[in-house]
Amino acid sequence: MKTTTIAIQIAESIEIKSLKTVFNQRPLFSDNDEIFFCLDQDKYLYAFKYGIICVYNFTSTEINVLKKKIKPTLKGDVVINSVISETLQIVTGGECFSTDFDTVTLPDKDAEKLRLVMLNLSHSVALDYYASIAEQLLEDTRRHTSYLENHGRLNIGGKKLKRYIGKVLNVKNKISENLYIFDSHDAAWDDENLNKLNSELKKKFDLKDRYQIINQQVNIVKENLDLFKDIMFHKESSKLEWIIIILIVIEVIDLVILKIIK
């Protein structure tokens, strides 16, 4: 039997505690960062604090209804009609588990196996989201460095530069906060089959390599911003030195004029 699962970046973040109160049922799993529900027979919802939901065996209409229902729990930039999403076909009833281009085959509909697939699919979407942000930051930084190369000065400074530095640091912190998503699923350590499935899924979605690329891009941006900051501070320091020199010159002139008058 083939069933569709889809992971969607729906907001900047989701309040997991608030989401618990939306549905009148006990989750199959929950902690401070994620929550996993079986909302109906063979219909699962997996939600993560970093703004992603993953649904299994939902129609498009059911997904739209779900989005409206959980909207009060969404924080930051809410993207109900997000284009950052990934779809995967899950085939159950196979002889063993296997992965293909857009299909994962499982031997049964065990909730823990489905959860593991949905977890890795959601991580893949999270990386797509952060990759788009990192690429934009890198492009902005290239524009500033090109201006510096061509004109010998920066076209950004003061509060604008400080806000930009804050934005980069925020992105870096968010990626670091979600570093745990690249660790193995807790249940995978207790079950050899789950552990093997988890490893195959990580390889399928190329999670670790994609994370390293994003991290490298953000580090490049940060290194450039450190240089921009040094240039800005040097410029401000030079201004201060000139102000001091001018004040000294004015004081000397005043002393000379006073002596002449006397």
Foldseek 3Di string as FASTA:
>chain_A
DKKKKKKFQFAQFFQQVVVVVLDPDDFPDDDRFKTKHDRDVQWIWIDGGRRMIMIIRDDPVRLLVVCVSRVVRHDHGGHRPGPLMAMAMEAECDPDWDDDLRYIYHPHVPVVLVVLLRLLRNLLSVLVVLVVVLVVLLVVLVVQVVCCVVPVAGPDDDPRLVVSLVVLVVSLVVLVVCPCSPPDDPVLVVDVRSVVSNVNSCVSSVNPVSSVVSNVSSVVSNVSSVVNVVRRVVVVVVVVVVVVVVVVVVVVVVVVVVVVVD
